[in-house]
């Protein structure tokens, strides 16, 4: 149900990432920048982590700078972490790595699935992400350099796309990105998004009662609706969606909702919010 739309959104975002530098080469500057910070005409939109890093590194709050984070914050308040689940270019690479890993296991090892997550506890995963965000931000304030910008996977993917289109080359940060993808393929699936991503951590804090989220029709569910626990099996963040739909790790990707809709039983998962 949601899968084709999510893939279309991810693919469209990935295309835009390459389209921006192509347009700039032809001196069309309606769109400029990368996914660290992008300009649409005179409208500037920036990753909230980039803004946070800049504020701490400079040691002062700039209202024009902070206003560039308003759109991502408003998007998160309305739709949750849809940037992560539906648009983030690194998340798409992680999806491809997960699919490749699952294919290898099925054909070579004889097992299905993409493999177990390196850290199964959602509490531990959240603690890792927020710890990384806090330490990186504090370090930026201490040395005056936005250190997290140099290890922000979505921004690096976008920057490498720009460099490749404009200069037919890749920077040293591509090595960091390649290491992440290799780890996704081999030892630690989904580790970056679950344990480290500062953008995902910060965006997950912007939520209200009406923010879009996954919920079930059972008020206090203790177990999955089906024996197979399909909602848990498909969740890339390792959540038990029937009871953890409001967890800060959830990216609202909709996989659990699709999986739940494919089986019969009570307590179907659904997206809720706005009218709640």
Foldseek 3Di string as FASTA:
>chain_A
DLVVVLVVLAVVLLVVLLVQLVCVVVVNVCWDDFQQWIHRNPQIAHQQLNLLLQCLLVVHDDPVSNVNPVVLLVCCAAANQLCQQRYQNVSVLLVVLQVVQQVCCCPPVVDGGSDDAPDQDLVQLLCLAVVQSVVQSVVSNVNSHNVVCLVQQSRQSSVQSSCCNPPVDGDPSVVVNVVVSVCCNPPHRPSCLRRHRNSLSVSLVNYDQQHKWKEWPDPADDDDFDPVLQLQRPDSNNDSCHHCRSPSSDNPNCRSQVRQVVDDGHTRMDIGGPVD
